Amino acid sequence: MIGQEPGVAAEAGAPAEWPIPAHEWKRVSSKYAVADLVTNLILVVVVIAVGVVVQVVADEPSPWALAGIGALALILVVNAVLAFRRVKAIGYVLRDDDLLFRRGILFERVIAVPYGRLQLVDVTRGPLLRALGLATLKFVTASAATGVNLPGLPMAEAEALRDRLVELAETRRSGL
């Protein structure tokens, strides 16, 4: 199994603990699921409203257009239902030399951002996150492919993590 020493078998029914044991991952606030859910539901309402307007304005309503709008609305509703599970899958770990970040349910993405490569650590808050007392931490590195956003952190935790990461980045600059 990935993340295990060769020749060591996993216990039956035990989840894989790759790349770090599960108890070390720090999770984002569960309140972020509410923000994700509200955003998705607003998108569903907009898609349905556009569909209704298109059908009312059209001379002859098209059953294909209705089916397409219905399918899109259904996909967005399923996406909204998965909001709580999607938020539960977001986590991060501060390791000795880097920040490890993961997200995703079906397709898990794990990103390691070396402290010495951090160029900017930004705290952003939209109106919905601000109302929930949350913030998003954005990391900018020398690589365009490593744009990492850590959403749903309580504001105090986001500011403390930003300050800690800036401190670590300043002490570990690597060729920038």
N, C-alpha and C. Protein backbone atom coordinates (compact mmCIF):
# COMPACT_ATOMS: atom_id res chain seq x y z
N MET A 1 0.83 -1.18 0.00
CA MET A 1 0.00 0.00 0.00
C MET A 1 0.88 1.25 0.00
N ILE A 2 0.41 2.31 -0.58
CA ILE A 2 1.19 3.55 -0.65
C ILE A 2 1.43 4.07 0.76
N GLY A 3 2.65 4.53 1.03
CA GLY A 3 2.95 5.13 2.31
C GLY A 3 3.35 4.13 3.37
N GLN A 4 3.43 2.85 3.03
CA GLN A 4 3.84 1.84 3.99
C GLN A 4 5.21 1.31 3.62
N GLU A 5 5.86 0.78 4.61
CA GLU A 5 7.14 0.15 4.35
C GLU A 5 6.91 -1.14 3.60
N PRO A 6 7.82 -1.50 2.69
CA PRO A 6 7.67 -2.75 1.96
C PRO A 6 7.59 -3.93 2.93
N GLY A 7 6.69 -4.83 2.63
CA GLY A 7 6.57 -6.04 3.44
C GLY A 7 5.69 -5.88 4.67
N VAL A 8 5.17 -4.70 4.93
CA VAL A 8 4.30 -4.49 6.09
C VAL A 8 2.86 -4.45 5.60
N ALA A 9 2.04 -5.32 6.08
CA ALA A 9 0.64 -5.39 5.65
C ALA A 9 -0.20 -4.44 6.48
N ALA A 10 -1.21 -3.87 5.86
CA ALA A 10 -2.14 -2.99 6.58
C ALA A 10 -3.12 -3.83 7.36
N GLU A 11 -3.60 -3.27 8.48
CA GLU A 11 -4.62 -3.97 9.25
C GLU A 11 -5.90 -4.01 8.44
N ALA A 12 -6.67 -5.07 8.59
CA ALA A 12 -7.92 -5.21 7.85
C ALA A 12 -8.87 -4.09 8.24
N GLY A 13 -9.38 -3.39 7.25
CA GLY A 13 -10.34 -2.32 7.47
C GLY A 13 -9.73 -1.00 7.86
N ALA A 14 -8.42 -0.93 8.06
CA ALA A 14 -7.78 0.32 8.45
C ALA A 14 -7.60 1.20 7.22
N PRO A 15 -7.93 2.48 7.33
CA PRO A 15 -7.75 3.36 6.18
C PRO A 15 -6.27 3.63 5.93
N ALA A 16 -5.95 3.88 4.69
CA ALA A 16 -4.57 4.21 4.34
C ALA A 16 -4.23 5.56 4.98
N GLU A 17 -3.07 5.65 5.57
CA GLU A 17 -2.65 6.88 6.23
C GLU A 17 -1.54 7.53 5.43
N TRP A 18 -1.84 7.82 4.18
CA TRP A 18 -0.85 8.45 3.33
C TRP A 18 -1.23 9.89 3.12
N PRO A 19 -0.35 10.79 3.10
CA PRO A 19 1.07 10.73 3.36
C PRO A 19 1.41 10.90 4.83
N ILE A 20 0.44 11.31 5.65
CA ILE A 20 0.67 11.52 7.07
C ILE A 20 -0.51 10.91 7.81
N PRO A 21 -0.28 10.37 9.00
CA PRO A 21 -1.41 9.82 9.76
C PRO A 21 -2.53 10.86 9.91
N ALA A 22 -3.76 10.38 9.87
CA ALA A 22 -4.94 11.26 9.85
C ALA A 22 -5.02 12.18 11.06
N HIS A 23 -4.52 11.76 12.22
CA HIS A 23 -4.69 12.58 13.41
C HIS A 23 -3.85 13.86 13.39
N GLU A 24 -2.91 13.97 12.48
CA GLU A 24 -2.07 15.16 12.42
C GLU A 24 -2.64 16.24 11.49
N TRP A 25 -3.61 15.90 10.66
CA TRP A 25 -4.19 16.88 9.73
C TRP A 25 -5.05 17.86 10.52
N LYS A 26 -4.88 19.14 10.24
CA LYS A 26 -5.75 20.17 10.82
C LYS A 26 -6.84 20.45 9.80
N ARG A 27 -8.06 20.54 10.27
CA ARG A 27 -9.21 20.74 9.39
C ARG A 27 -9.66 22.19 9.40
N VAL A 28 -10.34 22.57 8.34
CA VAL A 28 -10.93 23.90 8.29
C VAL A 28 -12.24 23.86 9.08
N SER A 29 -12.79 25.03 9.36
CA SER A 29 -14.02 25.12 10.14
C SER A 29 -15.18 24.47 9.40
N SER A 30 -16.03 23.78 10.14
CA SER A 30 -17.21 23.17 9.54
C SER A 30 -18.21 24.24 9.07
N LYS A 31 -18.07 25.47 9.58
CA LYS A 31 -18.94 26.56 9.12
C LYS A 31 -18.68 26.88 7.65
N TYR A 32 -17.50 26.50 7.14
CA TYR A 32 -17.20 26.76 5.73
C TYR A 32 -18.14 25.96 4.82
N ALA A 33 -18.65 24.83 5.30
CA ALA A 33 -19.60 24.05 4.51
C ALA A 33 -20.87 24.85 4.25
N VAL A 34 -21.26 25.66 5.20
CA VAL A 34 -22.45 26.52 5.03
C VAL A 34 -22.19 27.52 3.91
N ALA A 35 -21.00 28.13 3.91
CA ALA A 35 -20.67 29.10 2.85
C ALA A 35 -20.64 28.41 1.50
N ASP A 36 -20.06 27.22 1.43
CA ASP A 36 -20.00 26.45 0.18
C ASP A 36 -21.41 26.09 -0.29
N LEU A 37 -22.24 25.65 0.64
CA LEU A 37 -23.62 25.28 0.33
C LEU A 37 -24.41 26.48 -0.18
N VAL A 38 -24.30 27.62 0.49
CA VAL A 38 -25.03 28.81 0.08
C VAL A 38 -24.58 29.24 -1.32
N THR A 39 -23.27 29.22 -1.57
CA THR A 39 -22.76 29.59 -2.89
C THR A 39 -23.31 28.67 -3.97
N ASN A 40 -23.33 27.37 -3.71
CA ASN A 40 -23.86 26.42 -4.68
C ASN A 40 -25.36 26.62 -4.91
N LEU A 41 -26.11 26.85 -3.85
CA LEU A 41 -27.55 27.03 -4.00
C LEU A 41 -27.88 28.33 -4.74
N ILE A 42 -27.09 29.38 -4.53
CA ILE A 42 -27.28 30.61 -5.30
C ILE A 42 -27.05 30.34 -6.78
N LEU A 43 -26.03 29.54 -7.09
CA LEU A 43 -25.76 29.18 -8.48
C LEU A 43 -26.92 28.38 -9.07
N VAL A 44 -27.51 27.48 -8.31
CA VAL A 44 -28.67 26.71 -8.77
C VAL A 44 -29.83 27.65 -9.10
N VAL A 45 -30.10 28.59 -8.21
CA VAL A 45 -31.20 29.54 -8.43
C VAL A 45 -30.95 30.37 -9.68
N VAL A 46 -29.70 30.82 -9.88
CA VAL A 46 -29.37 31.62 -11.06
C VAL A 46 -29.58 30.80 -12.33
N VAL A 47 -29.12 29.55 -12.35
CA VAL A 47 -29.27 28.69 -13.54
C VAL A 47 -30.75 28.46 -13.85
N ILE A 48 -31.54 28.19 -12.83
CA ILE A 48 -32.97 27.97 -13.04
C ILE A 48 -33.64 29.26 -13.52
N ALA A 49 -33.26 30.40 -12.95
CA ALA A 49 -33.85 31.68 -13.38
C ALA A 49 -33.50 31.99 -14.83
N VAL A 50 -32.27 31.75 -15.23
CA VAL A 50 -31.87 31.96 -16.62
C VAL A 50 -32.67 31.04 -17.53
N GLY A 51 -32.84 29.79 -17.13
CA GLY A 51 -33.63 28.85 -17.92
C GLY A 51 -35.06 29.29 -18.09
N VAL A 52 -35.66 29.80 -17.02
CA VAL A 52 -37.04 30.28 -17.10
C VAL A 52 -37.13 31.49 -18.02
N VAL A 53 -36.19 32.41 -17.90
CA VAL A 53 -36.20 33.61 -18.75
C VAL A 53 -36.03 33.21 -20.22
N VAL A 54 -35.11 32.30 -20.51
CA VAL A 54 -34.89 31.85 -21.89
C VAL A 54 -36.16 31.21 -22.45
N GLN A 55 -36.84 30.42 -21.66
CA GLN A 55 -38.04 29.75 -22.13
C GLN A 55 -39.20 30.73 -22.32
N VAL A 56 -39.29 31.74 -21.47
CA VAL A 56 -40.36 32.73 -21.59
C VAL A 56 -40.13 33.62 -22.81
N VAL A 57 -38.88 34.00 -23.04
CA VAL A 57 -38.55 34.89 -24.16
C VAL A 57 -38.61 34.15 -25.50
N ALA A 58 -38.33 32.86 -25.50
CA ALA A 58 -38.30 32.09 -26.75
C ALA A 58 -39.71 32.01 -27.36
N ASP A 59 -39.75 32.08 -28.68
CA ASP A 59 -41.03 31.96 -29.37
C ASP A 59 -41.63 30.58 -29.17
N GLU A 60 -40.78 29.59 -29.27
CA GLU A 60 -41.21 28.21 -29.13
C GLU A 60 -40.29 27.51 -28.12
N PRO A 61 -40.80 27.22 -26.92
CA PRO A 61 -39.94 26.58 -25.91
C PRO A 61 -39.36 25.25 -26.42
N SER A 62 -38.09 25.08 -26.20
CA SER A 62 -37.41 23.87 -26.65
C SER A 62 -37.32 22.86 -25.51
N PRO A 63 -37.78 21.62 -25.76
CA PRO A 63 -37.66 20.60 -24.71
C PRO A 63 -36.19 20.27 -24.41
N TRP A 64 -35.31 20.42 -25.41
CA TRP A 64 -33.88 20.14 -25.19
C TRP A 64 -33.26 21.18 -24.27
N ALA A 65 -33.66 22.41 -24.44
CA ALA A 65 -33.13 23.47 -23.57
C ALA A 65 -33.61 23.24 -22.13
N LEU A 66 -34.88 22.87 -22.00
CA LEU A 66 -35.40 22.56 -20.66
C LEU A 66 -34.66 21.39 -20.03
N ALA A 67 -34.42 20.35 -20.82
CA ALA A 67 -33.71 19.18 -20.31
C ALA A 67 -32.29 19.55 -19.91
N GLY A 68 -31.62 20.38 -20.71
CA GLY A 68 -30.25 20.79 -20.40
C GLY A 68 -30.18 21.62 -19.13
N ILE A 69 -31.11 22.55 -18.99
CA ILE A 69 -31.15 23.39 -17.79
C ILE A 69 -31.49 22.54 -16.56
N GLY A 70 -32.41 21.60 -16.72
CA GLY A 70 -32.75 20.70 -15.62
C GLY A 70 -31.58 19.84 -15.21
N ALA A 71 -30.85 19.32 -16.20
CA ALA A 71 -29.68 18.49 -15.89
C ALA A 71 -28.61 19.31 -15.17
N LEU A 72 -28.37 20.54 -15.63
CA LEU A 72 -27.39 21.40 -14.99
C LEU A 72 -27.82 21.73 -13.56
N ALA A 73 -29.10 22.02 -13.37
CA ALA A 73 -29.60 22.30 -12.02
C ALA A 73 -29.44 21.07 -11.13
N LEU A 74 -29.70 19.88 -11.65
CA LEU A 74 -29.54 18.66 -10.87
C LEU A 74 -28.08 18.44 -10.47
N ILE A 75 -27.17 18.68 -11.40
CA ILE A 75 -25.74 18.54 -11.10
C ILE A 75 -25.34 19.52 -9.99
N LEU A 76 -25.83 20.74 -10.08
CA LEU A 76 -25.50 21.73 -9.06
C LEU A 76 -26.10 21.38 -7.70
N VAL A 77 -27.30 20.80 -7.69
CA VAL A 77 -27.91 20.37 -6.43
C VAL A 77 -27.08 19.24 -5.81
N VAL A 78 -26.66 18.27 -6.61
CA VAL A 78 -25.80 17.19 -6.10
C VAL A 78 -24.50 17.78 -5.56
N ASN A 79 -23.94 18.75 -6.29
CA ASN A 79 -22.72 19.43 -5.82
C ASN A 79 -22.97 20.10 -4.47
N ALA A 80 -24.12 20.72 -4.30
CA ALA A 80 -24.45 21.36 -3.03
C ALA A 80 -24.60 20.34 -1.91
N VAL A 81 -25.18 19.19 -2.21
CA VAL A 81 -25.34 18.14 -1.20
C VAL A 81 -23.98 17.64 -0.72
N LEU A 82 -23.01 17.62 -1.61
CA LEU A 82 -21.67 17.14 -1.25
C LEU A 82 -20.82 18.19 -0.55
N ALA A 83 -21.37 19.38 -0.31
CA ALA A 83 -20.59 20.46 0.29
C ALA A 83 -19.97 20.07 1.62
N PHE A 84 -20.73 19.42 2.48
CA PHE A 84 -20.22 19.08 3.81
C PHE A 84 -19.09 18.05 3.74
N ARG A 85 -19.23 17.08 2.85
CA ARG A 85 -18.17 16.08 2.69
C ARG A 85 -16.92 16.70 2.05
N ARG A 86 -17.13 17.59 1.10
CA ARG A 86 -16.01 18.25 0.42
C ARG A 86 -15.20 19.09 1.42
N VAL A 87 -15.87 19.79 2.30
CA VAL A 87 -15.20 20.62 3.30
C VAL A 87 -14.46 19.73 4.31
N LYS A 88 -15.03 18.61 4.64
CA LYS A 88 -14.37 17.69 5.58
C LYS A 88 -13.07 17.14 4.99
N ALA A 89 -12.94 17.12 3.67
CA ALA A 89 -11.75 16.58 3.02
C ALA A 89 -10.61 17.59 2.95
N ILE A 90 -10.86 18.85 3.32
CA ILE A 90 -9.81 19.87 3.26
C ILE A 90 -9.01 19.83 4.55
N GLY A 91 -7.69 19.79 4.42
CA GLY A 91 -6.84 19.78 5.60
C GLY A 91 -5.45 20.28 5.29
N TYR A 92 -4.70 20.57 6.34
CA TYR A 92 -3.32 21.02 6.16
C TYR A 92 -2.47 20.56 7.34
N VAL A 93 -1.17 20.50 7.10
CA VAL A 93 -0.21 20.12 8.13
C VAL A 93 1.01 21.00 7.96
N LEU A 94 1.48 21.57 9.07
CA LEU A 94 2.76 22.28 9.06
C LEU A 94 3.84 21.27 9.41
N ARG A 95 4.70 20.98 8.44
CA ARG A 95 5.79 20.05 8.68
C ARG A 95 7.08 20.85 8.91
N ASP A 96 8.19 20.16 9.09
CA ASP A 96 9.45 20.84 9.36
C ASP A 96 9.86 21.78 8.24
N ASP A 97 9.73 21.34 6.99
CA ASP A 97 10.23 22.12 5.87
C ASP A 97 9.16 22.65 4.93
N ASP A 98 7.90 22.22 5.11
CA ASP A 98 6.87 22.63 4.17
C ASP A 98 5.48 22.56 4.79
N LEU A 99 4.57 23.17 4.07
CA LEU A 99 3.15 23.10 4.41
C LEU A 99 2.53 22.08 3.48
N LEU A 100 1.85 21.11 4.02
CA LEU A 100 1.18 20.10 3.22
C LEU A 100 -0.31 20.41 3.24
N PHE A 101 -0.91 20.47 2.06
CA PHE A 101 -2.31 20.85 1.92
C PHE A 101 -3.01 19.78 1.09
N ARG A 102 -4.22 19.40 1.50
CA ARG A 102 -4.97 18.43 0.71
C ARG A 102 -6.43 18.83 0.62
N ARG A 103 -7.04 18.38 -0.49
CA ARG A 103 -8.47 18.59 -0.70
C ARG A 103 -8.94 17.57 -1.72
N GLY A 104 -10.24 17.37 -1.80
CA GLY A 104 -10.82 16.48 -2.80
C GLY A 104 -11.42 15.24 -2.18
N ILE A 105 -12.51 14.80 -2.78
CA ILE A 105 -13.19 13.59 -2.32
C ILE A 105 -12.80 12.42 -3.21
N LEU A 106 -13.19 12.48 -4.45
CA LEU A 106 -12.90 11.40 -5.39
C LEU A 106 -11.47 11.49 -5.91
N PHE A 107 -11.07 12.69 -6.27
CA PHE A 107 -9.71 12.93 -6.74
C PHE A 107 -9.00 13.79 -5.71
N GLU A 108 -8.24 13.15 -4.85
CA GLU A 108 -7.53 13.87 -3.79
C GLU A 108 -6.30 14.56 -4.36
N ARG A 109 -6.13 15.80 -3.98
CA ARG A 109 -4.96 16.57 -4.39
C ARG A 109 -4.17 16.92 -3.14
N VAL A 110 -2.89 16.56 -3.14
CA VAL A 110 -2.01 16.87 -2.02
C VAL A 110 -0.87 17.74 -2.56
N ILE A 111 -0.69 18.91 -1.95
CA ILE A 111 0.33 19.85 -2.40
C ILE A 111 1.27 20.14 -1.22
N ALA A 112 2.56 20.07 -1.50
CA ALA A 112 3.58 20.45 -0.51
C ALA A 112 4.17 21.78 -0.95
N VAL A 113 4.07 22.77 -0.09
CA VAL A 113 4.61 24.10 -0.40
C VAL A 113 5.79 24.34 0.54
N PRO A 114 7.03 24.30 0.00
CA PRO A 114 8.20 24.57 0.86
C PRO A 114 8.15 26.00 1.41
N TYR A 115 8.47 26.17 2.68
CA TYR A 115 8.41 27.49 3.30
C TYR A 115 9.30 28.48 2.58
N GLY A 116 10.47 28.04 2.14
CA GLY A 116 11.42 28.93 1.48
C GLY A 116 10.95 29.44 0.13
N ARG A 117 9.93 28.82 -0.45
CA ARG A 117 9.41 29.24 -1.76
C ARG A 117 8.21 30.18 -1.65
N LEU A 118 7.72 30.38 -0.45
CA LEU A 118 6.57 31.28 -0.27
C LEU A 118 6.99 32.72 -0.55
N GLN A 119 6.25 33.39 -1.42
CA GLN A 119 6.51 34.78 -1.72
C GLN A 119 5.48 35.70 -1.09
N LEU A 120 4.26 35.20 -0.96
CA LEU A 120 3.18 36.02 -0.41
C LEU A 120 2.18 35.10 0.28
N VAL A 121 1.74 35.51 1.46
CA VAL A 121 0.68 34.80 2.18
C VAL A 121 -0.38 35.86 2.46
N ASP A 122 -1.57 35.64 1.91
CA ASP A 122 -2.62 36.65 1.92
C ASP A 122 -3.87 36.11 2.61
N VAL A 123 -4.50 36.92 3.44
CA VAL A 123 -5.77 36.56 4.08
C VAL A 123 -6.87 37.35 3.38
N THR A 124 -7.86 36.64 2.82
CA THR A 124 -8.98 37.31 2.15
C THR A 124 -10.29 36.86 2.78
N ARG A 125 -11.26 37.78 2.72
CA ARG A 125 -12.59 37.48 3.29
C ARG A 125 -13.64 38.14 2.42
N GLY A 126 -14.53 37.33 1.88
CA GLY A 126 -15.68 37.87 1.17
C GLY A 126 -16.79 38.15 2.16
N PRO A 127 -17.91 38.71 1.70
CA PRO A 127 -18.99 39.04 2.63
C PRO A 127 -19.58 37.82 3.35
N LEU A 128 -19.70 36.70 2.65
CA LEU A 128 -20.26 35.51 3.27
C LEU A 128 -19.30 34.93 4.31
N LEU A 129 -18.02 34.83 3.97
CA LEU A 129 -17.04 34.33 4.93
C LEU A 129 -16.91 35.28 6.13
N ARG A 130 -16.96 36.57 5.86
CA ARG A 130 -16.87 37.56 6.94
C ARG A 130 -18.05 37.39 7.90
N ALA A 131 -19.25 37.15 7.37
CA ALA A 131 -20.43 36.96 8.22
C ALA A 131 -20.29 35.71 9.10
N LEU A 132 -19.56 34.71 8.59
CA LEU A 132 -19.36 33.48 9.35
C LEU A 132 -18.10 33.51 10.22
N GLY A 133 -17.34 34.60 10.15
CA GLY A 133 -16.11 34.72 10.94
C GLY A 133 -14.96 33.90 10.37
N LEU A 134 -14.99 33.67 9.05
CA LEU A 134 -13.98 32.84 8.41
C LEU A 134 -13.14 33.66 7.43
N ALA A 135 -12.05 33.05 6.97
CA ALA A 135 -11.17 33.69 5.99
C ALA A 135 -10.54 32.63 5.12
N THR A 136 -9.97 33.07 3.99
CA THR A 136 -9.22 32.19 3.09
C THR A 136 -7.78 32.64 3.10
N LEU A 137 -6.87 31.69 3.26
CA LEU A 137 -5.45 31.96 3.21
C LEU A 137 -4.95 31.61 1.82
N LYS A 138 -4.32 32.57 1.15
CA LYS A 138 -3.83 32.33 -0.21
C LYS A 138 -2.31 32.39 -0.18
N PHE A 139 -1.69 31.41 -0.84
CA PHE A 139 -0.23 31.33 -0.91
C PHE A 139 0.22 31.56 -2.34
N VAL A 140 1.22 32.39 -2.52
CA VAL A 140 1.81 32.61 -3.83
C VAL A 140 3.26 32.16 -3.74
N THR A 141 3.67 31.33 -4.71
CA THR A 141 5.04 30.86 -4.78
C THR A 141 5.62 31.24 -6.13
N ALA A 142 6.87 30.86 -6.34
CA ALA A 142 7.52 31.14 -7.62
C ALA A 142 6.88 30.35 -8.75
N SER A 143 6.24 29.25 -8.44
CA SER A 143 5.63 28.41 -9.45
C SER A 143 4.16 28.77 -9.62
N ALA A 144 3.75 28.96 -10.85
CA ALA A 144 2.35 29.27 -11.12
C ALA A 144 1.44 28.08 -10.83
N ALA A 145 1.99 26.87 -10.87
CA ALA A 145 1.20 25.67 -10.67
C ALA A 145 0.90 25.41 -9.20
N THR A 146 1.51 26.14 -8.30
CA THR A 146 1.34 25.87 -6.87
C THR A 146 0.47 26.90 -6.19
N GLY A 147 -0.47 27.48 -6.88
CA GLY A 147 -1.38 28.41 -6.24
C GLY A 147 -2.29 27.66 -5.28
N VAL A 148 -2.10 27.89 -4.00
CA VAL A 148 -2.86 27.16 -2.99
C VAL A 148 -3.76 28.13 -2.24
N ASN A 149 -5.01 27.75 -2.10
CA ASN A 149 -5.97 28.49 -1.28
C ASN A 149 -6.42 27.56 -0.17
N LEU A 150 -6.36 28.05 1.05
CA LEU A 150 -6.83 27.29 2.20
C LEU A 150 -8.06 28.02 2.73
N PRO A 151 -9.26 27.60 2.29
CA PRO A 151 -10.47 28.33 2.67
C PRO A 151 -11.03 27.83 4.00
N GLY A 152 -11.89 28.65 4.61
CA GLY A 152 -12.67 28.21 5.76
C GLY A 152 -11.94 28.20 7.08
N LEU A 153 -10.89 28.98 7.22
CA LEU A 153 -10.19 29.05 8.50
C LEU A 153 -10.84 30.13 9.36
N PRO A 154 -10.98 29.88 10.67
CA PRO A 154 -11.44 30.96 11.54
C PRO A 154 -10.46 32.13 11.42
N MET A 155 -10.95 33.34 11.51
CA MET A 155 -10.13 34.53 11.25
C MET A 155 -8.88 34.56 12.12
N ALA A 156 -9.00 34.29 13.39
CA ALA A 156 -7.82 34.34 14.28
C ALA A 156 -6.79 33.29 13.86
N GLU A 157 -7.26 32.10 13.50
CA GLU A 157 -6.35 31.04 13.06
C GLU A 157 -5.68 31.40 11.74
N ALA A 158 -6.42 32.02 10.83
CA ALA A 158 -5.85 32.43 9.54
C ALA A 158 -4.76 33.47 9.74
N GLU A 159 -5.00 34.45 10.61
CA GLU A 159 -3.99 35.48 10.85
C GLU A 159 -2.76 34.89 11.54
N ALA A 160 -2.96 34.00 12.51
CA ALA A 160 -1.83 33.38 13.20
C ALA A 160 -1.03 32.50 12.24
N LEU A 161 -1.72 31.75 11.40
CA LEU A 161 -1.05 30.88 10.43
C LEU A 161 -0.29 31.72 9.40
N ARG A 162 -0.89 32.82 8.96
CA ARG A 162 -0.20 33.72 8.03
C ARG A 162 1.10 34.25 8.65
N ASP A 163 1.03 34.72 9.90
CA ASP A 163 2.21 35.26 10.56
C ASP A 163 3.28 34.18 10.73
N ARG A 164 2.86 32.98 11.09
CA ARG A 164 3.82 31.87 11.28
C ARG A 164 4.47 31.50 9.95
N LEU A 165 3.69 31.44 8.88
CA LEU A 165 4.24 31.07 7.57
C LEU A 165 5.19 32.15 7.04
N VAL A 166 4.88 33.41 7.27
CA VAL A 166 5.78 34.49 6.84
C VAL A 166 7.09 34.39 7.61
N GLU A 167 7.00 34.12 8.91
CA GLU A 167 8.20 33.95 9.73
C GLU A 167 9.04 32.78 9.23
N LEU A 168 8.40 31.65 8.95
CA LEU A 168 9.12 30.49 8.44
C LEU A 168 9.72 30.76 7.06
N ALA A 169 8.99 31.47 6.21
CA ALA A 169 9.48 31.77 4.87
C ALA A 169 10.71 32.67 4.92
N GLU A 170 10.71 33.64 5.83
CA GLU A 170 11.84 34.55 5.94
C GLU A 170 13.11 33.84 6.41
N THR A 171 12.95 32.82 7.24
CA THR A 171 14.13 32.11 7.75
C THR A 171 14.63 31.02 6.79
N ARG A 172 13.82 30.69 5.79
CA ARG A 172 14.19 29.58 4.91
C ARG A 172 14.15 29.93 3.43
N ARG A 173 14.47 31.13 3.09
CA ARG A 173 14.51 31.50 1.67
C ARG A 173 15.45 30.60 0.92
N SER A 174 15.00 30.12 -0.25
CA SER A 174 15.83 29.18 -1.00
C SER A 174 16.06 29.69 -2.43
N GLY A 175 17.01 30.52 -2.58
CA GLY A 175 17.42 30.97 -3.92
C GLY A 175 16.51 31.95 -4.59
N LEU A 176 15.71 32.68 -3.84
CA LEU A 176 14.81 33.66 -4.47
C LEU A 176 15.43 35.04 -4.41
